[in-house]
Amino acid sequence: MLNNYLGAFKKYAQFNGRARRQEFWQFMLVHLVVAIVLAVLDNVLGLAPEGIPYGALTGLYMLAALIPTLALEVRRLHDTNRSGWWLLIGLIPFGGIVLIVFWAQAGHQGPNAHGADPKGAELGAPTFDGPSFGQPGPDAPPAV
């Protein structure tokens, strides 16, 4: 789990390529836990201003994690065969729900415009590029 979290920081500003669901959701889980722990520390240490739930520690962490988080979100969209520009839908009401649905979907099997299938490459599984219309399948009878 921590490997996926640290992996996002190692790929700090890498907006190209693809990210698996496992990599994305494990990063988001650890990211949320770190942010909550830092917010609690901010309040315990008195670093959070009155009426604001977070302070300097949480703010610095969120600033440091902004670019890796955006890059991971874009790579996850790439895995579902969508452009990273879909992130902008989060700026409209209920757009965040659409993004969560996109991020939760299974990745595109086989290579797509954004790179090779990270799941197929990792597991050595065969990839599927989609139906090839007009091409005989492996079980098709010989042409006459």
Protein backbone atom coordinates (compact mmCIF):
# COMPACT_ATOMS: atom_id res chain seq x y z
CA MET A 1 0.00 0.00 0.00
CA LEU A 2 2.79 2.41 0.88
CA ASN A 3 4.57 1.46 -2.34
CA ASN A 4 1.67 2.89 -4.35
CA TYR A 5 1.62 5.99 -2.17
CA LEU A 6 5.34 6.62 -2.53
CA GLY A 7 5.18 5.65 -6.20
CA ALA A 8 2.93 8.62 -6.90
CA PHE A 9 5.54 10.93 -5.39
CA LYS A 10 8.30 9.22 -7.39
CA LYS A 11 6.28 9.98 -10.54
CA TYR A 12 5.89 13.54 -9.23
CA ALA A 13 4.76 15.33 -12.40
CA GLN A 14 4.32 12.41 -14.80
CA PHE A 15 0.99 13.11 -16.47
CA ASN A 16 1.48 10.57 -19.26
CA GLY A 17 0.92 6.85 -18.96
CA ARG A 18 -1.66 4.86 -17.07
CA ALA A 19 -2.43 4.01 -13.42
CA ARG A 20 -4.29 0.96 -12.18
CA ARG A 21 -7.29 1.21 -9.85
CA GLN A 22 -5.31 -0.42 -7.06
CA GLU A 23 -2.53 2.16 -7.33
CA PHE A 24 -5.03 5.04 -7.40
CA TRP A 25 -7.28 3.99 -4.52
CA GLN A 26 -4.45 2.91 -2.25
CA PHE A 27 -2.77 6.27 -2.78
CA MET A 28 -6.04 8.09 -2.03
CA LEU A 29 -6.59 6.08 1.16
CA VAL A 30 -3.11 6.81 2.54
CA HIS A 31 -3.37 10.44 1.37
CA LEU A 32 -6.63 10.85 3.31
CA VAL A 33 -5.20 9.24 6.46
CA VAL A 34 -2.07 11.46 6.34
CA ALA A 35 -4.21 14.58 5.86
CA ILE A 36 -6.45 13.66 8.82
CA VAL A 37 -3.49 12.89 11.09
CA LEU A 38 -1.85 16.21 10.16
CA ALA A 39 -5.10 18.11 10.75
CA VAL A 40 -5.39 16.55 14.21
CA LEU A 41 -1.75 17.46 14.92
CA ASP A 42 -2.42 21.00 13.75
CA ASN A 43 -5.26 21.30 16.26
CA VAL A 44 -3.39 19.61 19.11
CA LEU A 45 -0.30 21.78 18.61
CA GLY A 46 -2.38 24.92 18.18
CA LEU A 47 -1.23 25.52 14.60
CA ALA A 48 -4.77 25.76 13.24
CA PRO A 49 -6.38 29.21 13.41
CA GLU A 50 -9.64 29.49 15.32
CA GLY A 51 -12.58 28.14 13.30
CA ILE A 52 -10.40 26.48 10.62
CA PRO A 53 -10.04 22.69 10.83
CA TYR A 54 -6.46 22.59 9.55
CA GLY A 55 -3.28 24.56 9.89
CA ALA A 56 0.27 24.89 8.66
CA LEU A 57 1.21 21.20 8.62
CA THR A 58 -1.86 20.14 6.67
CA GLY A 59 -1.56 23.09 4.31
CA LEU A 60 2.09 22.36 3.52
CA TYR A 61 1.35 18.67 2.96
CA MET A 62 -1.59 19.42 0.66
CA LEU A 63 0.55 21.83 -1.33
CA ALA A 64 3.35 19.25 -1.64
CA ALA A 65 0.88 16.51 -2.68
CA LEU A 66 -1.09 18.63 -5.17
CA ILE A 67 0.90 17.86 -8.32
CA PRO A 68 1.42 14.13 -7.62
CA THR A 69 -2.30 13.79 -6.89
CA LEU A 70 -3.31 15.56 -10.11
CA ALA A 71 -0.84 13.48 -12.11
CA LEU A 72 -2.19 10.24 -10.62
CA GLU A 73 -5.78 11.32 -11.33
CA VAL A 74 -4.87 12.02 -14.96
CA ARG A 75 -3.06 8.68 -15.32
CA ARG A 76 -6.12 6.91 -13.86
CA LEU A 77 -8.35 8.61 -16.43
CA HIS A 78 -5.88 7.52 -19.12
CA ASP A 79 -6.28 3.93 -17.96
CA THR A 80 -10.03 4.19 -18.64
CA ASN A 81 -9.16 5.51 -22.12
CA ARG A 82 -10.21 9.09 -21.33
CA SER A 83 -8.34 12.33 -21.68
CA GLY A 84 -6.92 13.99 -18.58
CA TRP A 85 -8.99 17.06 -19.44
CA TRP A 86 -11.95 15.21 -17.91
CA LEU A 87 -10.61 16.45 -14.56
CA LEU A 88 -12.18 19.81 -15.38
CA ILE A 89 -15.65 18.27 -15.02
CA GLY A 90 -14.97 18.36 -11.28
CA LEU A 91 -15.38 22.13 -11.42
CA ILE A 92 -19.10 21.92 -12.12
CA PRO A 93 -21.79 20.78 -9.66
CA PHE A 94 -21.90 16.98 -9.32
CA GLY A 95 -18.87 16.69 -11.61
CA GLY A 96 -16.93 15.08 -8.77
CA ILE A 97 -19.41 12.21 -8.75
CA VAL A 98 -18.76 11.63 -12.46
CA LEU A 99 -15.01 11.57 -11.79
CA ILE A 100 -15.41 9.03 -8.99
CA VAL A 101 -17.41 6.81 -11.36
CA PHE A 102 -14.68 7.12 -14.02
CA TRP A 103 -11.91 6.36 -11.50
CA ALA A 104 -13.82 3.32 -10.21
CA GLN A 105 -14.25 1.77 -13.66
CA ALA A 106 -11.99 -1.02 -14.85
CA GLY A 107 -9.11 0.03 -17.01
CA HIS A 108 -9.12 -0.39 -20.78
CA GLN A 109 -7.79 -3.85 -21.63
CA GLY A 110 -4.75 -3.82 -23.85
CA PRO A 111 -2.80 -0.82 -25.04
CA ASN A 112 -4.59 2.42 -25.75
CA ALA A 113 -3.55 5.90 -26.88
CA HIS A 114 -2.00 6.55 -23.46
CA GLY A 115 0.26 3.51 -23.23
CA ALA A 116 0.44 -0.19 -22.55
CA ASP A 117 -1.95 -1.92 -20.20
CA PRO A 118 -0.31 -1.76 -16.75
CA LYS A 119 -2.30 -4.75 -15.55
CA GLY A 120 -1.45 -6.92 -18.54
CA ALA A 121 2.21 -5.97 -18.45
CA GLU A 122 2.45 -6.65 -14.73
CA LEU A 123 0.60 -9.95 -14.68
CA GLY A 124 1.69 -11.22 -18.08
CA ALA A 125 -1.95 -11.57 -19.06
CA PRO A 126 -2.95 -11.55 -22.71
CA THR A 127 -4.29 -8.25 -23.94
CA PHE A 128 -7.37 -7.64 -26.05
CA ASP A 129 -7.47 -4.73 -28.48
CA GLY A 130 -11.13 -5.09 -29.31
CA PRO A 131 -12.96 -6.88 -32.08
CA SER A 132 -11.35 -6.97 -35.47
CA PHE A 133 -14.23 -6.80 -37.91
CA GLY A 134 -13.70 -8.57 -41.20
CA GLN A 135 -10.88 -10.71 -39.80
CA PRO A 136 -11.48 -14.42 -39.35
CA GLY A 137 -11.18 -15.65 -35.80
CA PRO A 138 -8.92 -18.53 -34.74
CA ASP A 139 -11.83 -20.99 -34.88
CA ALA A 140 -13.16 -19.81 -38.27
CA PRO A 141 -13.40 -22.36 -41.05
CA PRO A 142 -10.95 -21.93 -43.92
CA ALA A 143 -12.05 -19.54 -46.65
CA VAL A 144 -13.33 -21.16 -49.85
